[in-house]
């Protein structure tokens, strides 16, 4: 009975991430609000507060954020096989779509409606990224240090040639130091 329910959960993880991968354009940041809605609000697999931590870890580890997020959610929900099937579910639609588009785009990329469709998709992706930003901003600790760190990271990432990996590492170190100085627990 236990194996059957775990198998069902693993298949459900695959299907949820397959749907997310198939119907979300714009990459990982555009997927974050959809992942949050599906796994936290609808399925209740993960607490809403855990999503921000998972995204932070997924962003800090090598690889695409959507793949890393699906792997972490799958692992937290159903262990190793959950991670494998959630990741496969997130990757498979892109693989199928890119394979099909590569055949079609060669012949139709010069058509005006196709170009306009891609302009519209870009606009929609920007809206999803902004929604993700607002959602993460709401969960940010409400302190002057957090806002200063966020603004500094933004300025460094946008206006300098500093590699974002160094910015992420620096923010992690400064956040840890800030928590230790203020005597707060990092696990909050």
N, C-alpha and C. Protein backbone atom coordinates (compact mmCIF):
# COMPACT_ATOMS: atom_id res chain seq x y z
N UNK A 1 0.83 -1.20 0.00
CA UNK A 1 0.00 0.00 0.00
C UNK A 1 0.86 1.25 0.00
N UNK A 2 1.88 1.25 0.86
CA UNK A 2 2.78 2.40 0.95
C UNK A 2 3.51 2.62 -0.36
N UNK A 3 4.01 1.52 -1.00
CA UNK A 3 4.72 1.64 -2.27
C UNK A 3 3.81 2.18 -3.36
N UNK A 4 2.56 1.74 -3.33
CA UNK A 4 1.60 2.18 -4.34
C UNK A 4 1.33 3.68 -4.21
N UNK A 5 1.17 4.18 -2.99
CA UNK A 5 0.90 5.60 -2.80
C UNK A 5 2.14 6.44 -3.13
N UNK A 6 3.34 5.92 -2.84
CA UNK A 6 4.56 6.64 -3.20
C UNK A 6 4.73 6.67 -4.71
N UNK A 7 4.42 5.56 -5.37
CA UNK A 7 4.47 5.51 -6.83
C UNK A 7 3.49 6.52 -7.42
N UNK A 8 2.30 6.59 -6.85
CA UNK A 8 1.29 7.55 -7.32
C UNK A 8 1.79 8.99 -7.14
N UNK A 9 2.43 9.26 -6.00
CA UNK A 9 2.97 10.60 -5.73
C UNK A 9 4.06 10.95 -6.74
N UNK A 10 4.93 9.98 -7.04
CA UNK A 10 6.01 10.22 -8.00
C UNK A 10 5.45 10.51 -9.38
N UNK A 11 4.44 9.77 -9.80
CA UNK A 11 3.80 10.01 -11.10
C UNK A 11 3.12 11.37 -11.09
N UNK A 12 2.49 11.72 -9.98
CA UNK A 12 1.84 13.03 -9.86
C UNK A 12 2.87 14.16 -9.93
N UNK A 13 4.04 13.98 -9.30
CA UNK A 13 5.13 14.96 -9.41
C UNK A 13 5.54 15.14 -10.87
N UNK A 14 5.71 14.01 -11.57
CA UNK A 14 6.08 14.07 -12.98
C UNK A 14 5.04 14.86 -13.77
N UNK A 15 3.77 14.55 -13.57
CA UNK A 15 2.71 15.20 -14.34
C UNK A 15 2.60 16.69 -14.03
N UNK A 16 2.74 17.06 -12.76
CA UNK A 16 2.67 18.48 -12.38
C UNK A 16 3.81 19.25 -13.03
N UNK A 17 5.03 18.72 -12.94
CA UNK A 17 6.16 19.44 -13.52
C UNK A 17 6.16 19.36 -15.05
N UNK A 18 5.60 18.31 -15.61
CA UNK A 18 5.44 18.25 -17.06
C UNK A 18 4.50 19.36 -17.52
N UNK A 19 3.40 19.53 -16.79
CA UNK A 19 2.43 20.60 -17.12
C UNK A 19 3.09 21.97 -16.97
N UNK A 20 3.83 22.17 -15.90
CA UNK A 20 4.52 23.45 -15.69
C UNK A 20 5.51 23.70 -16.82
N UNK A 21 6.29 22.68 -17.16
CA UNK A 21 7.27 22.82 -18.23
C UNK A 21 6.64 23.04 -19.59
N UNK A 22 5.48 22.46 -19.81
CA UNK A 22 4.83 22.56 -21.12
C UNK A 22 4.12 23.89 -21.33
N UNK A 23 3.62 24.48 -20.27
CA UNK A 23 2.77 25.66 -20.44
C UNK A 23 3.36 26.94 -19.85
N UNK A 24 4.66 26.94 -19.56
CA UNK A 24 5.31 28.14 -19.05
C UNK A 24 6.41 28.53 -20.01
N UNK A 25 6.35 29.75 -20.50
CA UNK A 25 7.39 30.27 -21.38
C UNK A 25 8.25 31.24 -20.60
N UNK A 26 9.52 31.31 -20.94
CA UNK A 26 10.38 32.33 -20.36
C UNK A 26 11.41 31.83 -19.39
N UNK A 27 11.51 30.54 -19.20
CA UNK A 27 12.56 30.03 -18.32
C UNK A 27 12.14 29.95 -16.87
N UNK A 28 13.15 29.71 -16.04
CA UNK A 28 12.94 29.41 -14.63
C UNK A 28 12.23 30.48 -13.83
N UNK A 29 12.63 31.74 -14.02
CA UNK A 29 12.01 32.80 -13.23
C UNK A 29 10.53 32.94 -13.55
N UNK A 30 10.17 32.69 -14.79
CA UNK A 30 8.76 32.74 -15.16
C UNK A 30 8.00 31.55 -14.57
N UNK A 31 8.70 30.46 -14.29
CA UNK A 31 8.06 29.26 -13.74
C UNK A 31 7.83 29.35 -12.24
N UNK A 32 8.59 30.17 -11.55
CA UNK A 32 8.53 30.19 -10.08
C UNK A 32 7.12 30.44 -9.55
N UNK A 33 6.38 31.45 -10.04
CA UNK A 33 5.03 31.63 -9.50
C UNK A 33 4.10 30.45 -9.78
N UNK A 34 4.31 29.79 -10.92
CA UNK A 34 3.46 28.64 -11.25
C UNK A 34 3.83 27.45 -10.37
N UNK A 35 5.14 27.24 -10.17
CA UNK A 35 5.58 26.16 -9.28
C UNK A 35 5.02 26.40 -7.88
N UNK A 36 5.11 27.64 -7.41
CA UNK A 36 4.61 27.98 -6.08
C UNK A 36 3.11 27.69 -5.98
N UNK A 37 2.35 28.08 -6.99
CA UNK A 37 0.90 27.85 -6.95
C UNK A 37 0.58 26.36 -6.96
N UNK A 38 1.27 25.61 -7.82
CA UNK A 38 0.97 24.18 -7.96
C UNK A 38 1.38 23.36 -6.74
N UNK A 39 2.63 23.53 -6.28
CA UNK A 39 3.13 22.65 -5.22
C UNK A 39 2.81 23.14 -3.82
N UNK A 40 2.57 24.43 -3.67
CA UNK A 40 2.30 24.96 -2.34
C UNK A 40 0.81 25.19 -2.12
N UNK A 41 0.19 25.91 -3.03
CA UNK A 41 -1.22 26.25 -2.83
C UNK A 41 -2.16 25.10 -3.19
N UNK A 42 -1.97 24.48 -4.36
CA UNK A 42 -2.88 23.43 -4.80
C UNK A 42 -2.60 22.07 -4.15
N UNK A 43 -1.36 21.60 -4.27
CA UNK A 43 -1.03 20.25 -3.81
C UNK A 43 -0.64 20.20 -2.33
N UNK A 44 -0.23 21.33 -1.77
CA UNK A 44 0.19 21.40 -0.36
C UNK A 44 1.35 20.46 -0.06
N UNK A 45 2.22 20.24 -1.05
CA UNK A 45 3.39 19.39 -0.84
C UNK A 45 4.44 20.12 -0.02
N UNK A 46 4.50 21.43 -0.20
CA UNK A 46 5.53 22.24 0.44
C UNK A 46 4.87 23.50 0.98
N UNK A 47 5.35 23.96 2.13
CA UNK A 47 4.81 25.19 2.70
C UNK A 47 5.22 26.38 1.83
N UNK A 48 4.38 27.39 1.83
CA UNK A 48 4.64 28.59 1.04
C UNK A 48 5.97 29.23 1.44
N UNK A 49 6.27 29.20 2.72
CA UNK A 49 7.51 29.81 3.20
C UNK A 49 8.75 29.05 2.72
N UNK A 50 8.59 27.75 2.42
CA UNK A 50 9.72 26.96 1.94
C UNK A 50 10.07 27.27 0.49
N UNK A 51 9.13 27.79 -0.26
CA UNK A 51 9.38 28.09 -1.67
C UNK A 51 10.53 29.09 -1.82
N UNK A 52 10.53 30.13 -1.00
CA UNK A 52 11.59 31.13 -1.08
C UNK A 52 12.96 30.50 -0.80
N UNK A 53 13.02 29.60 0.18
CA UNK A 53 14.28 28.92 0.48
C UNK A 53 14.70 28.01 -0.68
N UNK A 54 13.75 27.29 -1.25
CA UNK A 54 14.06 26.40 -2.36
C UNK A 54 14.56 27.20 -3.56
N UNK A 55 13.92 28.33 -3.84
CA UNK A 55 14.34 29.18 -4.95
C UNK A 55 15.75 29.73 -4.69
N UNK A 56 16.01 30.14 -3.46
CA UNK A 56 17.34 30.67 -3.13
C UNK A 56 18.41 29.59 -3.33
N UNK A 57 18.13 28.38 -2.90
CA UNK A 57 19.08 27.28 -3.09
C UNK A 57 19.22 26.94 -4.57
N UNK A 58 18.09 26.87 -5.27
CA UNK A 58 18.12 26.54 -6.70
C UNK A 58 18.88 27.60 -7.50
N UNK A 59 18.76 28.84 -7.07
CA UNK A 59 19.44 29.93 -7.75
C UNK A 59 20.94 29.89 -7.47
N UNK A 60 21.32 29.37 -6.32
CA UNK A 60 22.72 29.35 -5.90
C UNK A 60 23.49 28.14 -6.40
N UNK A 61 22.79 27.13 -6.88
CA UNK A 61 23.45 25.92 -7.35
C UNK A 61 23.57 25.96 -8.87
N UNK A 62 24.57 25.28 -9.42
CA UNK A 62 24.74 25.29 -10.88
C UNK A 62 23.54 24.67 -11.59
N UNK A 63 23.22 25.23 -12.73
CA UNK A 63 22.13 24.70 -13.55
C UNK A 63 20.96 25.65 -13.60
N UNK A 64 20.02 25.34 -14.48
CA UNK A 64 18.84 26.19 -14.63
C UNK A 64 17.98 26.17 -13.36
N UNK A 65 17.45 27.32 -13.00
CA UNK A 65 16.69 27.45 -11.76
C UNK A 65 15.44 26.58 -11.76
N UNK A 66 14.76 26.47 -12.90
CA UNK A 66 13.54 25.65 -12.95
C UNK A 66 13.86 24.18 -12.72
N UNK A 67 14.95 23.71 -13.29
CA UNK A 67 15.34 22.31 -13.11
C UNK A 67 15.75 22.07 -11.66
N UNK A 68 16.55 22.97 -11.12
CA UNK A 68 16.98 22.83 -9.72
C UNK A 68 15.78 22.87 -8.77
N UNK A 69 14.85 23.78 -9.04
CA UNK A 69 13.65 23.88 -8.19
C UNK A 69 12.83 22.61 -8.26
N UNK A 70 12.62 22.08 -9.46
CA UNK A 70 11.85 20.85 -9.58
C UNK A 70 12.55 19.69 -8.88
N UNK A 71 13.87 19.65 -8.97
CA UNK A 71 14.63 18.60 -8.30
C UNK A 71 14.47 18.69 -6.79
N UNK A 72 14.61 19.90 -6.24
CA UNK A 72 14.47 20.09 -4.78
C UNK A 72 13.06 19.76 -4.31
N UNK A 73 12.05 20.21 -5.05
CA UNK A 73 10.66 19.93 -4.66
C UNK A 73 10.41 18.43 -4.72
N UNK A 74 10.87 17.78 -5.79
CA UNK A 74 10.68 16.34 -5.93
C UNK A 74 11.36 15.57 -4.83
N UNK A 75 12.58 15.98 -4.47
CA UNK A 75 13.31 15.29 -3.41
C UNK A 75 12.63 15.48 -2.06
N UNK A 76 12.23 16.72 -1.79
CA UNK A 76 11.58 17.01 -0.50
C UNK A 76 10.24 16.29 -0.38
N UNK A 77 9.58 16.09 -1.51
CA UNK A 77 8.25 15.47 -1.50
C UNK A 77 8.32 13.94 -1.50
N UNK A 78 9.20 13.36 -2.33
CA UNK A 78 9.20 11.90 -2.49
C UNK A 78 10.59 11.30 -2.60
N UNK A 79 11.59 11.96 -2.09
CA UNK A 79 12.93 11.39 -2.07
C UNK A 79 13.60 11.37 -3.44
N UNK A 80 14.55 10.44 -3.60
CA UNK A 80 15.37 10.36 -4.81
C UNK A 80 14.53 10.23 -6.07
N UNK A 81 13.60 9.27 -6.09
CA UNK A 81 12.79 9.06 -7.30
C UNK A 81 11.85 10.22 -7.56
N UNK A 82 11.42 10.88 -6.52
CA UNK A 82 10.62 12.09 -6.71
C UNK A 82 11.43 13.17 -7.41
N UNK A 83 12.70 13.32 -7.01
CA UNK A 83 13.59 14.29 -7.65
C UNK A 83 13.82 13.94 -9.12
N UNK A 84 14.05 12.67 -9.39
CA UNK A 84 14.30 12.23 -10.77
C UNK A 84 13.09 12.50 -11.65
N UNK A 85 11.91 12.10 -11.19
CA UNK A 85 10.71 12.23 -12.03
C UNK A 85 10.23 13.68 -12.13
N UNK A 86 10.38 14.46 -11.07
CA UNK A 86 10.01 15.88 -11.16
C UNK A 86 10.93 16.60 -12.14
N UNK A 87 12.22 16.30 -12.08
CA UNK A 87 13.18 16.91 -12.99
C UNK A 87 12.89 16.49 -14.43
N UNK A 88 12.67 15.21 -14.63
CA UNK A 88 12.35 14.70 -15.97
C UNK A 88 11.06 15.33 -16.50
N UNK A 89 10.08 15.49 -15.63
CA UNK A 89 8.82 16.14 -16.02
C UNK A 89 9.02 17.58 -16.43
N UNK A 90 9.93 18.29 -15.75
CA UNK A 90 10.19 19.69 -16.08
C UNK A 90 10.98 19.83 -17.37
N UNK A 91 11.86 18.88 -17.66
CA UNK A 91 12.75 18.96 -18.83
C UNK A 91 12.08 18.46 -20.11
N UNK A 92 11.31 17.42 -20.01
CA UNK A 92 10.76 16.75 -21.20
C UNK A 92 9.95 17.68 -22.12
N UNK A 93 9.05 18.52 -21.60
CA UNK A 93 8.31 19.38 -22.52
C UNK A 93 9.21 20.32 -23.33
N UNK A 94 10.22 20.89 -22.67
CA UNK A 94 11.14 21.78 -23.38
C UNK A 94 11.88 21.04 -24.48
N UNK A 95 12.32 19.84 -24.18
CA UNK A 95 13.02 19.03 -25.16
C UNK A 95 12.12 18.76 -26.37
N UNK A 96 10.89 18.37 -26.11
CA UNK A 96 9.95 18.08 -27.20
C UNK A 96 9.66 19.35 -28.00
N UNK A 97 9.36 20.44 -27.30
CA UNK A 97 9.00 21.69 -27.96
C UNK A 97 10.17 22.24 -28.78
N UNK A 98 11.36 22.24 -28.22
CA UNK A 98 12.53 22.76 -28.95
C UNK A 98 12.82 21.91 -30.18
N UNK A 99 12.67 20.61 -30.05
CA UNK A 99 12.88 19.74 -31.21
C UNK A 99 11.88 20.06 -32.31
N UNK A 100 10.61 20.22 -31.96
CA UNK A 100 9.59 20.54 -32.96
C UNK A 100 9.80 21.94 -33.54
N UNK A 101 10.10 22.91 -32.68
CA UNK A 101 10.28 24.29 -33.15
C UNK A 101 11.48 24.39 -34.09
N UNK A 102 12.53 23.66 -33.79
CA UNK A 102 13.72 23.74 -34.65
C UNK A 102 13.40 23.32 -36.08
N UNK A 103 12.50 22.35 -36.24
CA UNK A 103 12.11 21.93 -37.59
C UNK A 103 11.20 22.97 -38.25
N UNK A 104 10.28 23.52 -37.47
CA UNK A 104 9.29 24.45 -38.02
C UNK A 104 9.88 25.85 -38.22
N UNK A 105 10.66 26.32 -37.26
CA UNK A 105 11.15 27.70 -37.27
C UNK A 105 12.03 27.99 -38.49
N UNK A 106 12.76 27.01 -38.92
CA UNK A 106 13.60 27.18 -40.09
C UNK A 106 12.79 27.65 -41.29
N UNK A 107 11.59 27.14 -41.40
CA UNK A 107 10.75 27.45 -42.56
C UNK A 107 9.84 28.66 -42.36
N UNK A 108 9.53 29.03 -41.11
CA UNK A 108 8.52 30.05 -40.87
C UNK A 108 9.01 31.30 -40.13
N UNK A 109 10.28 31.38 -39.79
CA UNK A 109 10.77 32.50 -38.98
C UNK A 109 10.67 33.85 -39.68
N UNK A 110 10.61 33.86 -40.98
CA UNK A 110 10.53 35.13 -41.70
C UNK A 110 9.10 35.68 -41.78
N UNK A 111 8.11 34.89 -41.41
CA UNK A 111 6.72 35.36 -41.46
C UNK A 111 6.44 36.33 -40.33
N UNK A 112 5.78 37.41 -40.66
CA UNK A 112 5.49 38.47 -39.70
C UNK A 112 4.66 37.98 -38.50
N UNK A 113 3.60 37.17 -38.69
CA UNK A 113 2.83 36.70 -37.52
C UNK A 113 3.68 35.90 -36.52
N UNK A 114 4.63 35.14 -37.03
CA UNK A 114 5.51 34.36 -36.14
C UNK A 114 6.37 35.31 -35.31
N UNK A 115 6.94 36.33 -35.96
CA UNK A 115 7.76 37.31 -35.23
C UNK A 115 6.92 38.04 -34.19
N UNK A 116 5.69 38.43 -34.54
CA UNK A 116 4.81 39.12 -33.59
C UNK A 116 4.43 38.22 -32.42
N UNK A 117 4.23 36.95 -32.70
CA UNK A 117 3.91 36.02 -31.61
C UNK A 117 5.05 35.97 -30.60
N UNK A 118 6.28 35.96 -31.07
CA UNK A 118 7.43 35.95 -30.16
C UNK A 118 7.55 37.25 -29.39
N UNK A 119 7.19 38.38 -29.99
CA UNK A 119 7.17 39.64 -29.25
C UNK A 119 6.15 39.57 -28.10
N UNK A 120 4.99 39.01 -28.38
CA UNK A 120 3.97 38.87 -27.34
C UNK A 120 4.41 37.94 -26.23
N UNK A 121 5.06 36.85 -26.60
CA UNK A 121 5.55 35.90 -25.59
C UNK A 121 6.57 36.60 -24.68
N UNK A 122 7.46 37.40 -25.26
CA UNK A 122 8.45 38.12 -24.45
C UNK A 122 7.78 39.04 -23.44
N UNK A 123 6.74 39.75 -23.87
CA UNK A 123 6.03 40.65 -22.96
C UNK A 123 5.40 39.86 -21.80
N UNK A 124 4.81 38.72 -22.12
CA UNK A 124 4.23 37.87 -21.08
C UNK A 124 5.26 37.35 -20.11
N UNK A 125 6.43 37.00 -20.60
CA UNK A 125 7.51 36.50 -19.76
C UNK A 125 7.95 37.59 -18.77
N UNK A 126 8.07 38.81 -19.25
CA UNK A 126 8.46 39.91 -18.36
C UNK A 126 7.44 40.06 -17.24
N UNK A 127 6.16 39.94 -17.56
CA UNK A 127 5.12 40.04 -16.52
C UNK A 127 5.27 38.92 -15.49
N UNK A 128 5.57 37.71 -15.93
CA UNK A 128 5.75 36.59 -15.00
C UNK A 128 6.98 36.79 -14.12
N UNK A 129 8.05 37.33 -14.68
CA UNK A 129 9.25 37.59 -13.89
C UNK A 129 8.97 38.66 -12.84
N UNK A 130 8.24 39.69 -13.20
CA UNK A 130 7.89 40.75 -12.24
C UNK A 130 7.01 40.17 -11.13
N UNK A 131 6.05 39.30 -11.49
CA UNK A 131 5.21 38.67 -10.47
C UNK A 131 6.06 37.85 -9.50
N UNK A 132 7.03 37.13 -10.03
CA UNK A 132 7.94 36.34 -9.19
C UNK A 132 8.72 37.25 -8.25
N UNK A 133 9.20 38.38 -8.77
CA UNK A 133 9.94 39.33 -7.95
C UNK A 133 9.07 39.86 -6.82
N UNK A 134 7.83 40.24 -7.13
CA UNK A 134 6.93 40.79 -6.11
C UNK A 134 6.62 39.74 -5.04
N UNK A 135 6.40 38.51 -5.48
CA UNK A 135 6.12 37.42 -4.54
C UNK A 135 7.30 37.19 -3.60
N UNK A 136 8.52 37.19 -4.14
CA UNK A 136 9.69 36.99 -3.30
C UNK A 136 9.94 38.20 -2.41
N UNK A 137 9.65 39.40 -2.91
CA UNK A 137 9.82 40.62 -2.12
C UNK A 137 8.91 40.61 -0.90
N UNK A 138 7.69 40.09 -1.05
CA UNK A 138 6.75 40.02 0.07
C UNK A 138 7.27 39.11 1.19
N UNK A 139 8.05 38.09 0.82
CA UNK A 139 8.57 37.14 1.81
C UNK A 139 9.93 37.56 2.36
N UNK A 140 10.51 38.63 1.83
CA UNK A 140 11.79 39.12 2.30
C UNK A 140 11.65 39.63 3.74
N UNK A 141 12.63 39.32 4.59
CA UNK A 141 12.57 39.86 5.96
C UNK A 141 12.49 41.39 5.90
N UNK A 142 11.62 41.96 6.69
CA UNK A 142 11.40 43.41 6.68
C UNK A 142 12.40 44.11 7.58
N UNK A 143 13.59 44.34 7.04
CA UNK A 143 14.62 45.06 7.79
C UNK A 143 15.39 45.95 6.83
N UNK A 144 15.98 46.99 7.38
CA UNK A 144 16.76 47.91 6.56
C UNK A 144 17.94 47.18 5.91
N UNK A 145 18.57 46.27 6.65
CA UNK A 145 19.71 45.52 6.13
C UNK A 145 19.30 44.69 4.91
N UNK A 146 18.14 44.06 4.97
CA UNK A 146 17.68 43.24 3.85
C UNK A 146 17.41 44.09 2.61
N UNK A 147 16.79 45.26 2.80
CA UNK A 147 16.50 46.14 1.66
C UNK A 147 17.79 46.71 1.08
N UNK A 148 18.74 47.08 1.94
CA UNK A 148 20.02 47.61 1.46
C UNK A 148 20.78 46.53 0.68
N UNK A 149 20.79 45.32 1.21
CA UNK A 149 21.46 44.21 0.54
C UNK A 149 20.82 43.91 -0.81
N UNK A 150 19.49 43.93 -0.86
CA UNK A 150 18.77 43.70 -2.12
C UNK A 150 19.13 44.78 -3.14
N UNK A 151 19.10 46.04 -2.74
CA UNK A 151 19.40 47.15 -3.64
C UNK A 151 20.86 47.08 -4.12
N UNK A 152 21.77 46.78 -3.21
CA UNK A 152 23.19 46.68 -3.58
C UNK A 152 23.42 45.54 -4.57
N UNK A 153 22.78 44.40 -4.33
CA UNK A 153 22.91 43.26 -5.24
C UNK A 153 22.37 43.62 -6.63
N UNK A 154 21.24 44.31 -6.67
CA UNK A 154 20.66 44.73 -7.94
C UNK A 154 21.61 45.65 -8.70
N UNK A 155 22.13 46.66 -8.00
CA UNK A 155 23.03 47.63 -8.64
C UNK A 155 24.28 46.91 -9.15
N UNK A 156 24.86 46.03 -8.34
CA UNK A 156 26.06 45.31 -8.76
C UNK A 156 25.79 44.40 -9.97
N UNK A 157 24.65 43.73 -9.96
CA UNK A 157 24.32 42.80 -11.04
C UNK A 157 24.03 43.54 -12.35
N UNK A 158 23.37 44.69 -12.27
CA UNK A 158 22.94 45.39 -13.47
C UNK A 158 24.02 46.33 -14.02
N UNK A 159 24.71 47.02 -13.14
CA UNK A 159 25.59 48.10 -13.59
C UNK A 159 27.08 47.80 -13.52
N UNK A 160 27.47 46.61 -13.12
CA UNK A 160 28.89 46.27 -13.09
C UNK A 160 29.12 44.98 -13.86
N UNK A 161 30.36 44.65 -14.03
CA UNK A 161 30.75 43.43 -14.73
C UNK A 161 31.00 42.27 -13.75
N UNK A 162 30.64 42.47 -12.48
CA UNK A 162 30.87 41.43 -11.46
C UNK A 162 29.98 40.23 -11.78
N UNK A 163 30.58 39.06 -11.73
CA UNK A 163 29.85 37.82 -11.98
C UNK A 163 28.77 37.64 -10.90
N UNK A 164 27.56 37.28 -11.32
CA UNK A 164 26.45 37.15 -10.36
C UNK A 164 26.69 36.06 -9.33
N UNK A 165 27.53 35.11 -9.64
CA UNK A 165 27.85 34.07 -8.65
C UNK A 165 28.51 34.71 -7.43
N UNK A 166 29.41 35.65 -7.67
CA UNK A 166 30.08 36.33 -6.56
C UNK A 166 29.09 37.19 -5.77
N UNK A 167 28.14 37.78 -6.47
CA UNK A 167 27.12 38.59 -5.80
C UNK A 167 26.26 37.71 -4.90
N UNK A 168 25.86 36.55 -5.40
CA UNK A 168 25.04 35.62 -4.61
C UNK A 168 25.80 35.14 -3.38
N UNK A 169 27.06 34.76 -3.58
CA UNK A 169 27.88 34.30 -2.45
C UNK A 169 28.05 35.43 -1.44
N UNK A 170 28.33 36.64 -1.93
CA UNK A 170 28.48 37.78 -1.03
C UNK A 170 27.22 38.07 -0.25
N UNK A 171 26.07 37.99 -0.92
CA UNK A 171 24.79 38.22 -0.22
C UNK A 171 24.55 37.16 0.84
N UNK A 172 24.90 35.91 0.53
CA UNK A 172 24.75 34.85 1.52
C UNK A 172 25.61 35.08 2.74
N UNK A 173 26.86 35.46 2.51
CA UNK A 173 27.79 35.73 3.62
C UNK A 173 27.31 36.92 4.43
N UNK A 174 26.92 38.01 3.76
CA UNK A 174 26.44 39.19 4.48
C UNK A 174 25.15 38.91 5.24
N UNK A 175 24.25 38.11 4.66
CA UNK A 175 23.03 37.73 5.37
C UNK A 175 23.32 36.92 6.62
N UNK A 176 24.28 36.01 6.52
CA UNK A 176 24.68 35.21 7.67
C UNK A 176 25.30 36.09 8.75
N UNK A 177 26.19 36.97 8.35
CA UNK A 177 26.83 37.88 9.30
C UNK A 177 25.78 38.78 9.96
N UNK A 178 24.88 39.31 9.16
CA UNK A 178 23.82 40.18 9.68
C UNK A 178 22.97 39.44 10.71
N UNK A 179 22.62 38.21 10.41
CA UNK A 179 21.81 37.41 11.35
C UNK A 179 22.56 37.13 12.63
N UNK A 180 23.84 36.87 12.51
CA UNK A 180 24.64 36.59 13.70
C UNK A 180 24.81 37.84 14.55
N UNK A 181 25.02 38.98 13.93
CA UNK A 181 25.20 40.24 14.66
C UNK A 181 23.91 40.61 15.38
N UNK A 182 22.80 40.46 14.69
CA UNK A 182 21.52 40.84 15.27
C UNK A 182 20.98 39.77 16.22
N UNK A 183 21.68 38.63 16.30
CA UNK A 183 21.30 37.60 17.26
C UNK A 183 20.07 36.81 16.86
N UNK A 184 19.73 36.86 15.57
CA UNK A 184 18.57 36.11 15.10
C UNK A 184 18.99 34.75 14.60
N UNK A 185 18.10 33.83 14.66
CA UNK A 185 18.35 32.47 14.15
C UNK A 185 18.26 32.49 12.64
N UNK A 186 19.20 31.83 11.98
CA UNK A 186 19.22 31.75 10.52
C UNK A 186 18.09 30.86 10.02
N UNK A 187 17.58 29.98 10.86
CA UNK A 187 16.56 29.02 10.43
C UNK A 187 15.17 29.63 10.36
N UNK A 188 14.99 30.88 10.71
CA UNK A 188 13.65 31.49 10.68
C UNK A 188 13.10 31.58 9.31
